[in-house]
Amino acid sequence: MTTVSFEMPEAATATLSVYDVTGKVVTVRNINAIKGLNSEIFTKDQLGVSGTCTTH
């Protein structure tokens, strides 16, 4: 399980994209984020990859 946390200056819809090391999009989530700290949990099965990933 991996948790991705991020801060939002105000409540808004946010798009969280996860990429593998080659730059390929692994998954995208549209989130109704709140003002302040937000967290999204991903499982290995949801990502479908192992190893290092990046978020944007």
C-alpha atoms as a PDB file:
ATOM      1  CA  MET A   1       0.000   0.000   0.000  1.00  0.00           C
ATOM      2  CA  THR A   2       1.216   3.501  -0.855  1.00  0.00           C
ATOM      3  CA  THR A   3      -0.178   6.784   0.422  1.00  0.00           C
ATOM      4  CA  VAL A   4       0.214   9.965  -1.602  1.00  0.00           C
ATOM      5  CA  SER A   5      -0.371  13.174   0.361  1.00  0.00           C
ATOM      6  CA  PHE A   6      -0.656  16.697  -0.988  1.00  0.00           C
ATOM      7  CA  GLU A   7      -1.713  20.165   0.188  1.00  0.00           C
ATOM      8  CA  MET A   8      -4.421  22.254  -1.438  1.00  0.00           C
ATOM      9  CA  PRO A   9      -4.728  26.018  -0.843  1.00  0.00           C
ATOM     10  CA  GLU A  10      -8.522  25.708  -1.150  1.00  0.00           C
ATOM     11  CA  ALA A  11     -11.134  23.026  -1.777  1.00  0.00           C
ATOM     12  CA  ALA A  12     -11.266  22.081  -5.454  1.00  0.00           C
ATOM     13  CA  THR A  13     -11.283  19.188  -7.879  1.00  0.00           C
ATOM     14  CA  ALA A  14      -7.735  17.874  -8.305  1.00  0.00           C
ATOM     15  CA  THR A  15      -6.275  15.391 -10.750  1.00  0.00           C
ATOM     16  CA  LEU A  16      -3.606  13.067  -9.366  1.00  0.00           C
ATOM     17  CA  SER A  17      -1.604  11.177 -11.996  1.00  0.00           C
ATOM     18  CA  VAL A  18       0.838   8.364 -11.213  1.00  0.00           C
ATOM     19  CA  TYR A  19       3.646   7.550 -13.670  1.00  0.00           C
ATOM     20  CA  ASP A  20       6.154   4.720 -13.887  1.00  0.00           C
ATOM     21  CA  VAL A  21       9.882   5.450 -14.346  1.00  0.00           C
ATOM     22  CA  THR A  22       9.521   5.507 -18.154  1.00  0.00           C
ATOM     23  CA  GLY A  23       6.912   8.289 -17.955  1.00  0.00           C
ATOM     24  CA  LYS A  24       3.952   6.043 -18.792  1.00  0.00           C
ATOM     25  CA  VAL A  25       0.713   6.944 -16.982  1.00  0.00           C
ATOM     26  CA  VAL A  26      -0.159   4.150 -14.556  1.00  0.00           C
ATOM     27  CA  THR A  27      -3.382   5.603 -13.123  1.00  0.00           C
ATOM     28  CA  VAL A  28      -5.284   8.888 -12.864  1.00  0.00           C
ATOM     29  CA  ARG A  29      -7.676   9.925 -10.106  1.00  0.00           C
ATOM     30  CA  ASN A  30      -9.972  12.923 -10.050  1.00  0.00           C
ATOM     31  CA  ILE A  31     -10.374  13.930  -6.426  1.00  0.00           C
ATOM     32  CA  ASN A  32     -12.740  16.295  -4.641  1.00  0.00           C
ATOM     33  CA  ALA A  33      -9.930  17.696  -2.511  1.00  0.00           C
ATOM     34  CA  ILE A  34     -10.436  19.684   0.665  1.00  0.00           C
ATOM     35  CA  LYS A  35      -8.498  22.756   1.748  1.00  0.00           C
ATOM     36  CA  GLY A  36      -5.329  21.578   3.503  1.00  0.00           C
ATOM     37  CA  LEU A  37      -3.860  18.081   3.612  1.00  0.00           C
ATOM     38  CA  ASN A  38      -5.343  15.394   1.352  1.00  0.00           C
ATOM     39  CA  SER A  39      -4.286  11.743   1.082  1.00  0.00           C
ATOM     40  CA  GLU A  40      -4.980   9.028  -1.467  1.00  0.00           C
ATOM     41  CA  ILE A  41      -4.174   5.361  -0.891  1.00  0.00           C
ATOM     42  CA  PHE A  42      -3.089   3.083  -3.720  1.00  0.00           C
ATOM     43  CA  THR A  43      -2.625  -0.675  -3.570  1.00  0.00           C
ATOM     44  CA  LYS A  44      -0.221  -2.672  -5.741  1.00  0.00           C
ATOM     45  CA  ASP A  45      -3.227  -4.172  -7.547  1.00  0.00           C
ATOM     46  CA  GLN A  46      -4.599  -0.690  -8.360  1.00  0.00           C
ATOM     47  CA  LEU A  47      -1.257   0.454  -9.742  1.00  0.00           C
ATOM     48  CA  GLY A  48      -0.458  -2.751 -11.600  1.00  0.00           C
ATOM     49  CA  VAL A  49       3.281  -2.066 -11.294  1.00  0.00           C
ATOM     50  CA  SER A  50       5.999  -2.433  -8.717  1.00  0.00           C
ATOM     51  CA  GLY A  51       9.038  -0.277  -8.147  1.00  0.00           C
ATOM     52  CA  THR A  52       9.418   3.475  -8.301  1.00  0.00           C
ATOM     53  CA  CYS A  53       6.567   5.701  -9.471  1.00  0.00           C
ATOM     54  CA  THR A  54       6.155   9.481  -9.555  1.00  0.00           C
ATOM     55  CA  THR A  55       3.090  11.684  -9.134  1.00  0.00           C
ATOM     56  CA  HIS A  56       1.967  14.940 -10.735  1.00  0.00           C
END
